[in-house]
Full PDB file with SEQRES, HELIX, SHEET, SSBOND, CRYST1, ORIGX, SCALE, CONECT and MASTER records, all heavy atoms in Angstrom:
SEQRES   1 A   32  HIS ARG ILE GLN ASP ILE ARG ASP LYS THR GLN VAL LEU          
SEQRES   2 A   32  GLU VAL GLN GLY ALA LYS VAL GLY LEU LYS ILE ASN VAL          
SEQRES   3 A   32  THR LYS LYS LYS LEU ILE                                      
HELIX    1 AA1 ILE A    3  LYS A   19  1                                  17    
HELIX    2 AA2 VAL A   26  LYS A   28  5                                   3    
CRYST1    1.000    1.000    1.000  90.00  90.00  90.00 P 1           1          
ORIGX1      1.000000  0.000000  0.000000        0.00000                         
ORIGX2      0.000000  1.000000  0.000000        0.00000                         
ORIGX3      0.000000  0.000000  1.000000        0.00000                         
SCALE1      1.000000  0.000000  0.000000        0.00000                         
SCALE2      0.000000  1.000000  0.000000        0.00000                         
SCALE3      0.000000  0.000000  1.000000        0.00000                         
ATOM      1  N   HIS A   1       0.821  -1.207   0.000  1.00  0.00           N  
ATOM      2  CA  HIS A   1       0.000   0.000   0.000  1.00  0.00           C  
ATOM      3  C   HIS A   1       0.859   1.263   0.000  1.00  0.00           C  
ATOM      4  O   HIS A   1       0.403   2.315  -0.413  1.00  0.00           O  
ATOM      5  CB  HIS A   1      -0.915   0.027   1.236  1.00  0.00           C  
ATOM      6  CG  HIS A   1      -2.021  -0.966   1.185  1.00  0.00           C  
ATOM      7  ND1 HIS A   1      -3.100  -0.846   0.346  1.00  0.00           N  
ATOM      8  CD2 HIS A   1      -2.198  -2.130   1.846  1.00  0.00           C  
ATOM      9  CE1 HIS A   1      -3.913  -1.865   0.506  1.00  0.00           C  
ATOM     10  NE2 HIS A   1      -3.385  -2.671   1.408  1.00  0.00           N  
ATOM     11  N   ARG A   2       2.092   1.158   0.470  1.00  0.00           N  
ATOM     12  CA  ARG A   2       2.951   2.340   0.602  1.00  0.00           C  
ATOM     13  C   ARG A   2       4.184   2.223  -0.275  1.00  0.00           C  
ATOM     14  O   ARG A   2       4.801   1.158  -0.358  1.00  0.00           O  
ATOM     15  CB  ARG A   2       3.392   2.514   2.060  1.00  0.00           C  
ATOM     16  CG  ARG A   2       2.263   2.737   3.022  1.00  0.00           C  
ATOM     17  CD  ARG A   2       2.682   2.805   4.489  1.00  0.00           C  
ATOM     18  NE  ARG A   2       4.024   2.341   4.764  1.00  0.00           N  
ATOM     19  CZ  ARG A   2       4.945   3.070   5.394  1.00  0.00           C  
ATOM     20  NH1 ARG A   2       4.683   4.272   5.828  1.00  0.00           N  
ATOM     21  NH2 ARG A   2       6.147   2.576   5.624  1.00  0.00           N  
ATOM     22  N   ILE A   3       4.584   3.329  -0.899  1.00  0.00           N  
ATOM     23  CA  ILE A   3       5.759   3.348  -1.773  1.00  0.00           C  
ATOM     24  C   ILE A   3       7.029   3.072  -0.979  1.00  0.00           C  
ATOM     25  O   ILE A   3       7.945   2.410  -1.477  1.00  0.00           O  
ATOM     26  CB  ILE A   3       5.863   4.681  -2.569  1.00  0.00           C  
ATOM     27  CG1 ILE A   3       6.928   4.582  -3.651  1.00  0.00           C  
ATOM     28  CG2 ILE A   3       6.154   5.841  -1.644  1.00  0.00           C  
ATOM     29  CD1 ILE A   3       6.613   3.669  -4.774  1.00  0.00           C  
ATOM     30  N   GLN A   4       7.104   3.529   0.268  1.00  0.00           N  
ATOM     31  CA  GLN A   4       8.293   3.271   1.078  1.00  0.00           C  
ATOM     32  C   GLN A   4       8.470   1.774   1.320  1.00  0.00           C  
ATOM     33  O   GLN A   4       9.588   1.268   1.323  1.00  0.00           O  
ATOM     34  CB  GLN A   4       8.237   4.025   2.418  1.00  0.00           C  
ATOM     35  CG  GLN A   4       9.510   3.893   3.228  1.00  0.00           C  
ATOM     36  CD  GLN A   4      10.750   4.373   2.464  1.00  0.00           C  
ATOM     37  OE1 GLN A   4      10.753   5.450   1.874  1.00  0.00           O  
ATOM     38  NE2 GLN A   4      11.814   3.578   2.466  1.00  0.00           N  
ATOM     39  N   ASP A   5       7.365   1.059   1.487  1.00  0.00           N  
ATOM     40  CA  ASP A   5       7.455  -0.391   1.664  1.00  0.00           C  
ATOM     41  C   ASP A   5       7.978  -1.064   0.401  1.00  0.00           C  
ATOM     42  O   ASP A   5       8.755  -2.019   0.473  1.00  0.00           O  
ATOM     43  CB  ASP A   5       6.092  -0.977   2.043  1.00  0.00           C  
ATOM     44  CG  ASP A   5       5.635  -0.543   3.424  1.00  0.00           C  
ATOM     45  OD1 ASP A   5       6.494  -0.189   4.260  1.00  0.00           O  
ATOM     46  OD2 ASP A   5       4.411  -0.552   3.669  1.00  0.00           O  
ATOM     47  N   ILE A   6       7.573  -0.570  -0.773  1.00  0.00           N  
ATOM     48  CA  ILE A   6       8.083  -1.130  -2.034  1.00  0.00           C  
ATOM     49  C   ILE A   6       9.578  -0.850  -2.155  1.00  0.00           C  
ATOM     50  O   ILE A   6      10.349  -1.710  -2.576  1.00  0.00           O  
ATOM     51  CB  ILE A   6       7.319  -0.570  -3.254  1.00  0.00           C  
ATOM     52  CG1 ILE A   6       5.880  -1.100  -3.262  1.00  0.00           C  
ATOM     53  CG2 ILE A   6       8.028  -0.896  -4.554  1.00  0.00           C  
ATOM     54  CD1 ILE A   6       5.774  -2.600  -3.498  1.00  0.00           C  
ATOM     55  N   ARG A   7      10.003   0.354  -1.775  1.00  0.00           N  
ATOM     56  CA  ARG A   7      11.435   0.676  -1.797  1.00  0.00           C  
ATOM     57  C   ARG A   7      12.215  -0.277  -0.892  1.00  0.00           C  
ATOM     58  O   ARG A   7      13.243  -0.817  -1.275  1.00  0.00           O  
ATOM     59  CB  ARG A   7      11.668   2.110  -1.338  1.00  0.00           C  
ATOM     60  CG  ARG A   7      11.356   3.133  -2.364  1.00  0.00           C  
ATOM     61  CD  ARG A   7      11.867   4.500  -1.910  1.00  0.00           C  
ATOM     62  NE  ARG A   7      11.278   5.499  -2.740  1.00  0.00           N  
ATOM     63  CZ  ARG A   7      10.369   6.385  -2.346  1.00  0.00           C  
ATOM     64  NH1 ARG A   7       9.963   6.415  -1.094  1.00  0.00           N  
ATOM     65  NH2 ARG A   7       9.880   7.260  -3.190  1.00  0.00           N  
ATOM     66  N   ASP A   8      11.704  -0.470   0.322  1.00  0.00           N  
ATOM     67  CA  ASP A   8      12.376  -1.360   1.267  1.00  0.00           C  
ATOM     68  C   ASP A   8      12.414  -2.788   0.736  1.00  0.00           C  
ATOM     69  O   ASP A   8      13.444  -3.456   0.814  1.00  0.00           O  
ATOM     70  CB  ASP A   8      11.674  -1.325   2.630  1.00  0.00           C  
ATOM     71  CG  ASP A   8      11.779   0.032   3.316  1.00  0.00           C  
ATOM     72  OD1 ASP A   8      12.641   0.855   2.914  1.00  0.00           O  
ATOM     73  OD2 ASP A   8      10.981   0.278   4.243  1.00  0.00           O  
ATOM     74  N   LYS A   9      11.292  -3.264   0.195  1.00  0.00           N  
ATOM     75  CA  LYS A   9      11.234  -4.622  -0.351  1.00  0.00           C  
ATOM     76  C   LYS A   9      12.221  -4.785  -1.499  1.00  0.00           C  
ATOM     77  O   LYS A   9      12.907  -5.811  -1.596  1.00  0.00           O  
ATOM     78  CB  LYS A   9       9.825  -4.931  -0.869  1.00  0.00           C  
ATOM     79  CG  LYS A   9       8.835  -5.256   0.193  1.00  0.00           C  
ATOM     80  CD  LYS A   9       7.513  -5.588  -0.485  1.00  0.00           C  
ATOM     81  CE  LYS A   9       6.509  -6.072   0.505  1.00  0.00           C  
ATOM     82  NZ  LYS A   9       5.288  -6.543  -0.135  1.00  0.00           N  
ATOM     83  N   THR A  10      12.289  -3.798  -2.373  1.00  0.00           N  
ATOM     84  CA  THR A  10      13.198  -3.867  -3.517  1.00  0.00           C  
ATOM     85  C   THR A  10      14.639  -3.934  -3.052  1.00  0.00           C  
ATOM     86  O   THR A  10      15.441  -4.728  -3.567  1.00  0.00           O  
ATOM     87  CB  THR A  10      12.981  -2.661  -4.452  1.00  0.00           C  
ATOM     88  OG1 THR A  10      11.611  -2.634  -4.853  1.00  0.00           O  
ATOM     89  CG2 THR A  10      13.861  -2.744  -5.674  1.00  0.00           C  
ATOM     90  N   GLN A  11      14.980  -3.127  -2.056  1.00  0.00           N  
ATOM     91  CA  GLN A  11      16.346  -3.116  -1.539  1.00  0.00           C  
ATOM     92  C   GLN A  11      16.701  -4.456  -0.897  1.00  0.00           C  
ATOM     93  O   GLN A  11      17.760  -5.024  -1.159  1.00  0.00           O  
ATOM     94  CB  GLN A  11      16.519  -1.983  -0.525  1.00  0.00           C  
ATOM     95  CG  GLN A  11      17.925  -1.857  -0.007  1.00  0.00           C  
ATOM     96  CD  GLN A  11      18.056  -0.699   0.967  1.00  0.00           C  
ATOM     97  OE1 GLN A  11      17.079  -0.231   1.548  1.00  0.00           O  
ATOM     98  NE2 GLN A  11      19.277  -0.239   1.157  1.00  0.00           N  
ATOM     99  N   VAL A  12      15.814  -4.990  -0.079  1.00  0.00           N  
ATOM    100  CA  VAL A  12      16.074  -6.278   0.575  1.00  0.00           C  
ATOM    101  C   VAL A  12      16.118  -7.393  -0.460  1.00  0.00           C  
ATOM    102  O   VAL A  12      16.937  -8.309  -0.364  1.00  0.00           O  
ATOM    103  CB  VAL A  12      15.011  -6.559   1.660  1.00  0.00           C  
ATOM    104  CG1 VAL A  12      15.140  -7.963   2.214  1.00  0.00           C  
ATOM    105  CG2 VAL A  12      15.112  -5.543   2.782  1.00  0.00           C  
ATOM    106  N   LEU A  13      15.261  -7.315  -1.483  1.00  0.00           N  
ATOM    107  CA  LEU A  13      15.259  -8.314  -2.549  1.00  0.00           C  
ATOM    108  C   LEU A  13      16.598  -8.322  -3.275  1.00  0.00           C  
ATOM    109  O   LEU A  13      17.135  -9.387  -3.580  1.00  0.00           O  
ATOM    110  CB  LEU A  13      14.124  -8.031  -3.536  1.00  0.00           C  
ATOM    111  CG  LEU A  13      13.923  -9.043  -4.647  1.00  0.00           C  
ATOM    112  CD1 LEU A  13      13.437 -10.368  -4.087  1.00  0.00           C  
ATOM    113  CD2 LEU A  13      12.925  -8.508  -5.663  1.00  0.00           C  
ATOM    114  N   GLU A  14      17.157  -7.143  -3.527  1.00  0.00           N  
ATOM    115  CA  GLU A  14      18.478  -7.054  -4.165  1.00  0.00           C  
ATOM    116  C   GLU A  14      19.555  -7.709  -3.308  1.00  0.00           C  
ATOM    117  O   GLU A  14      20.370  -8.484  -3.812  1.00  0.00           O  
ATOM    118  CB  GLU A  14      18.869  -5.593  -4.403  1.00  0.00           C  
ATOM    119  CG  GLU A  14      18.435  -5.048  -5.706  1.00  0.00           C  
ATOM    120  CD  GLU A  14      19.082  -3.713  -5.991  1.00  0.00           C  
ATOM    121  OE1 GLU A  14      18.949  -2.776  -5.183  1.00  0.00           O  
ATOM    122  OE2 GLU A  14      19.731  -3.614  -7.046  1.00  0.00           O  
ATOM    123  N   VAL A  15      19.548  -7.424  -2.014  1.00  0.00           N  
ATOM    124  CA  VAL A  15      20.565  -7.959  -1.110  1.00  0.00           C  
ATOM    125  C   VAL A  15      20.441  -9.477  -1.007  1.00  0.00           C  
ATOM    126  O   VAL A  15      21.431 -10.198  -1.158  1.00  0.00           O  
ATOM    127  CB  VAL A  15      20.449  -7.305   0.291  1.00  0.00           C  
ATOM    128  CG1 VAL A  15      21.316  -8.021   1.309  1.00  0.00           C  
ATOM    129  CG2 VAL A  15      20.802  -5.831   0.215  1.00  0.00           C  
ATOM    130  N   GLN A  16      19.234  -9.978  -0.774  1.00  0.00           N  
ATOM    131  CA  GLN A  16      19.033 -11.421  -0.625  1.00  0.00           C  
ATOM    132  C   GLN A  16      19.298 -12.145  -1.945  1.00  0.00           C  
ATOM    133  O   GLN A  16      19.875 -13.222  -1.956  1.00  0.00           O  
ATOM    134  CB  GLN A  16      17.618 -11.729  -0.129  1.00  0.00           C  
ATOM    135  CG  GLN A  16      17.360 -11.304   1.301  1.00  0.00           C  
ATOM    136  CD  GLN A  16      18.267 -11.987   2.291  1.00  0.00           C  
ATOM    137  OE1 GLN A  16      19.249 -11.405   2.736  1.00  0.00           O  
ATOM    138  NE2 GLN A  16      17.973 -13.212   2.633  1.00  0.00           N  
ATOM    139  N   GLY A  17      18.865 -11.576  -3.052  1.00  0.00           N  
ATOM    140  CA  GLY A  17      19.099 -12.190  -4.353  1.00  0.00           C  
ATOM    141  C   GLY A  17      20.574 -12.297  -4.679  1.00  0.00           C  
ATOM    142  O   GLY A  17      21.030 -13.297  -5.231  1.00  0.00           O  
ATOM    143  N   ALA A  18      21.342 -11.274  -4.322  1.00  0.00           N  
ATOM    144  CA  ALA A  18      22.785 -11.281  -4.586  1.00  0.00           C  
ATOM    145  C   ALA A  18      23.472 -12.422  -3.857  1.00  0.00           C  
ATOM    146  O   ALA A  18      24.479 -12.948  -4.333  1.00  0.00           O  
ATOM    147  CB  ALA A  18      23.399  -9.943  -4.189  1.00  0.00           C  
ATOM    148  N   LYS A  19      22.937 -12.847  -2.738  1.00  0.00           N  
ATOM    149  CA  LYS A  19      23.541 -13.940  -1.973  1.00  0.00           C  
ATOM    150  C   LYS A  19      23.537 -15.255  -2.739  1.00  0.00           C  
ATOM    151  O   LYS A  19      24.359 -16.115  -2.487  1.00  0.00           O  
ATOM    152  CB  LYS A  19      22.828 -14.118  -0.637  1.00  0.00           C  
ATOM    153  CG  LYS A  19      23.076 -12.982   0.330  1.00  0.00           C  
ATOM    154  CD  LYS A  19      22.325 -13.197   1.621  1.00  0.00           C  
ATOM    155  CE  LYS A  19      22.587 -12.052   2.592  1.00  0.00           C  
ATOM    156  NZ  LYS A  19      21.842 -12.252   3.848  1.00  0.00           N  
ATOM    157  N   VAL A  20      22.591 -15.412  -3.664  1.00  0.00           N  
ATOM    158  CA  VAL A  20      22.530 -16.646  -4.461  1.00  0.00           C  
ATOM    159  C   VAL A  20      22.793 -16.366  -5.938  1.00  0.00           C  
ATOM    160  O   VAL A  20      22.508 -17.185  -6.798  1.00  0.00           O  
ATOM    161  CB  VAL A  20      21.181 -17.389  -4.281  1.00  0.00           C  
ATOM    162  CG1 VAL A  20      21.053 -17.938  -2.885  1.00  0.00           C  
ATOM    163  CG2 VAL A  20      20.002 -16.503  -4.650  1.00  0.00           C  
ATOM    164  N   GLY A  21      23.308 -15.166  -6.235  1.00  0.00           N  
ATOM    165  CA  GLY A  21      23.703 -14.848  -7.602  1.00  0.00           C  
ATOM    166  C   GLY A  21      22.598 -14.281  -8.472  1.00  0.00           C  
ATOM    167  O   GLY A  21      22.757 -14.200  -9.683  1.00  0.00           O  
ATOM    168  N   LEU A  22      21.473 -13.874  -7.889  1.00  0.00           N  
ATOM    169  CA  LEU A  22      20.390 -13.277  -8.663  1.00  0.00           C  
ATOM    170  C   LEU A  22      20.493 -11.760  -8.611  1.00  0.00           C  
ATOM    171  O   LEU A  22      20.856 -11.190  -7.587  1.00  0.00           O  
ATOM    172  CB  LEU A  22      19.028 -13.734  -8.124  1.00  0.00           C  
ATOM    173  CG  LEU A  22      18.758 -15.229  -8.167  1.00  0.00           C  
ATOM    174  CD1 LEU A  22      17.407 -15.533  -7.533  1.00  0.00           C  
ATOM    175  CD2 LEU A  22      18.807 -15.749  -9.589  1.00  0.00           C  
ATOM    176  N   LYS A  23      20.151 -11.118  -9.715  1.00  0.00           N  
ATOM    177  CA  LYS A  23      20.267  -9.667  -9.825  1.00  0.00           C  
ATOM    178  C   LYS A  23      19.011  -9.111 -10.481  1.00  0.00           C  
ATOM    179  O   LYS A  23      18.495  -9.703 -11.431  1.00  0.00           O  
ATOM    180  CB  LYS A  23      21.495  -9.330 -10.672  1.00  0.00           C  
ATOM    181  CG  LYS A  23      21.768  -7.883 -10.831  1.00  0.00           C  
ATOM    182  CD  LYS A  23      23.026  -7.681 -11.655  1.00  0.00           C  
ATOM    183  CE  LYS A  23      23.211  -6.224 -11.991  1.00  0.00           C  
ATOM    184  NZ  LYS A  23      24.323  -6.018 -12.901  1.00  0.00           N  
ATOM    185  N   ILE A  24      18.520  -7.985  -9.997  1.00  0.00           N  
ATOM    186  CA  ILE A  24      17.350  -7.334 -10.589  1.00  0.00           C  
ATOM    187  C   ILE A  24      17.793  -6.622 -11.863  1.00  0.00           C  
ATOM    188  O   ILE A  24      18.722  -5.829 -11.855  1.00  0.00           O  
ATOM    189  CB  ILE A  24      16.723  -6.321  -9.607  1.00  0.00           C  
ATOM    190  CG1 ILE A  24      16.159  -7.053  -8.387  1.00  0.00           C  
ATOM    191  CG2 ILE A  24      15.632  -5.512 -10.305  1.00  0.00           C  
ATOM    192  CD1 ILE A  24      15.628  -6.132  -7.300  1.00  0.00           C  
ATOM    193  N   ASN A  25      17.120  -6.917 -12.961  1.00  0.00           N  
ATOM    194  CA  ASN A  25      17.408  -6.267 -14.238  1.00  0.00           C  
ATOM    195  C   ASN A  25      16.486  -5.056 -14.357  1.00  0.00           C  
ATOM    196  O   ASN A  25      15.296  -5.196 -14.616  1.00  0.00           O  
ATOM    197  CB  ASN A  25      17.171  -7.244 -15.388  1.00  0.00           C  
ATOM    198  CG  ASN A  25      17.520  -6.657 -16.729  1.00  0.00           C  
ATOM    199  OD1 ASN A  25      17.571  -5.442 -16.899  1.00  0.00           O  
ATOM    200  ND2 ASN A  25      17.753  -7.519 -17.697  1.00  0.00           N  
ATOM    201  N   VAL A  26      17.035  -3.874 -14.179  1.00  0.00           N  
ATOM    202  CA  VAL A  26      16.226  -2.656 -14.134  1.00  0.00           C  
ATOM    203  C   VAL A  26      15.518  -2.383 -15.464  1.00  0.00           C  
ATOM    204  O   VAL A  26      14.447  -1.777 -15.488  1.00  0.00           O  
ATOM    205  CB  VAL A  26      17.065  -1.439 -13.669  1.00  0.00           C  
ATOM    206  CG1 VAL A  26      18.016  -0.992 -14.753  1.00  0.00           C  
ATOM    207  CG2 VAL A  26      16.184  -0.290 -13.241  1.00  0.00           C  
ATOM    208  N   THR A  27      16.071  -2.856 -16.580  1.00  0.00           N  
ATOM    209  CA  THR A  27      15.427  -2.599 -17.880  1.00  0.00           C  
ATOM    210  C   THR A  27      14.155  -3.415 -18.067  1.00  0.00           C  
ATOM    211  O   THR A  27      13.334  -3.073 -18.905  1.00  0.00           O  
ATOM    212  CB  THR A  27      16.390  -2.895 -19.047  1.00  0.00           C  
ATOM    213  OG1 THR A  27      16.757  -4.275 -19.016  1.00  0.00           O  
ATOM    214  CG2 THR A  27      17.637  -2.036 -18.960  1.00  0.00           C  
ATOM    215  N   LYS A  28      13.990  -4.473 -17.304  1.00  0.00           N  
ATOM    216  CA  LYS A  28      12.796  -5.309 -17.425  1.00  0.00           C  
ATOM    217  C   LYS A  28      11.769  -5.049 -16.330  1.00  0.00           C  
ATOM    218  O   LYS A  28      10.701  -5.635 -16.330  1.00  0.00           O  
ATOM    219  CB  LYS A  28      13.188  -6.794 -17.389  1.00  0.00           C  
ATOM    220  CG  LYS A  28      14.003  -7.226 -18.578  1.00  0.00           C  
ATOM    221  CD  LYS A  28      14.290  -8.704 -18.488  1.00  0.00           C  
ATOM    222  CE  LYS A  28      15.065  -9.192 -19.686  1.00  0.00           C  
ATOM    223  NZ  LYS A  28      15.321 -10.632 -19.606  1.00  0.00           N  
ATOM    224  N   LYS A  29      12.087  -4.199 -15.379  1.00  0.00           N  
ATOM    225  CA  LYS A  29      11.198  -3.954 -14.243  1.00  0.00           C  
ATOM    226  C   LYS A  29      10.337  -2.732 -14.486  1.00  0.00           C  
ATOM    227  O   LYS A  29      10.770  -1.763 -15.094  1.00  0.00           O  
ATOM    228  CB  LYS A  29      11.996  -3.754 -12.954  1.00  0.00           C  
ATOM    229  CG  LYS A  29      12.886  -4.921 -12.629  1.00  0.00           C  
ATOM    230  CD  LYS A  29      12.090  -6.199 -12.550  1.00  0.00           C  
ATOM    231  CE  LYS A  29      12.961  -7.406 -12.627  1.00  0.00           C  
ATOM    232  NZ  LYS A  29      12.440  -8.476 -13.416  1.00  0.00           N  
ATOM    233  N   LYS A  30       9.106  -2.782 -13.975  1.00  0.00           N  
ATOM    234  CA  LYS A  30       8.158  -1.680 -14.113  1.00  0.00           C  
ATOM    235  C   LYS A  30       7.532  -1.394 -12.755  1.00  0.00           C  
ATOM    236  O   LYS A  30       7.374  -2.286 -11.937  1.00  0.00           O  
ATOM    237  CB  LYS A  30       7.046  -2.024 -15.108  1.00  0.00           C  
ATOM    238  CG  LYS A  30       7.530  -2.500 -16.461  1.00  0.00           C  
ATOM    239  CD  LYS A  30       8.181  -1.403 -17.254  1.00  0.00           C  
ATOM    240  CE  LYS A  30       8.624  -1.919 -18.607  1.00  0.00           C  
ATOM    241  NZ  LYS A  30       9.931  -1.494 -18.975  1.00  0.00           N  
ATOM    242  N   LEU A  31       7.149  -0.153 -12.566  1.00  0.00           N  
ATOM    243  CA  LEU A  31       6.458   0.279 -11.356  1.00  0.00           C  
ATOM    244  C   LEU A  31       5.121   0.854 -11.777  1.00  0.00           C  
ATOM    245  O   LEU A  31       5.047   1.664 -12.710  1.00  0.00           O  
ATOM    246  CB  LEU A  31       7.275   1.348 -10.622  1.00  0.00           C  
ATOM    247  CG  LEU A  31       6.604   2.039  -9.443  1.00  0.00           C  
ATOM    248  CD1 LEU A  31       6.410   1.062  -8.298  1.00  0.00           C  
ATOM    249  CD2 LEU A  31       7.416   3.243  -8.987  1.00  0.00           C  
ATOM    250  N   ILE A  32       4.064   0.422 -11.127  1.00  0.00           N  
ATOM    251  CA  ILE A  32       2.744   0.990 -11.394  1.00  0.00           C  
ATOM    252  C   ILE A  32       2.102   1.329 -10.056  1.00  0.00           C  
ATOM    253  O   ILE A  32       2.206   0.583  -9.094  1.00  0.00           O  
ATOM    254  CB  ILE A  32       1.860   0.027 -12.220  1.00  0.00           C  
ATOM    255  CG1 ILE A  32       0.594   0.738 -12.681  1.00  0.00           C  
ATOM    256  CG2 ILE A  32       1.544  -1.230 -11.456  1.00  0.00           C  
ATOM    257  CD1 ILE A  32      -0.178  -0.012 -13.742  1.00  0.00           C  
TER     258      ILE A  32                                                      
MASTER        0    0    0    2    0    0    0    6  257    1    0    3          
END                                                                             
C-alpha cells in the first residue's frame, strides 16, 4: 500500500538475491 514499503522490499530483494547470484534487471522492471 505504501511506496516506502516497495522501496524497502526492492532493496532487501536485491541484497538477498545477490547472496545466491540473482540480480534485478532494471530494464525489465516496471512500477505501477
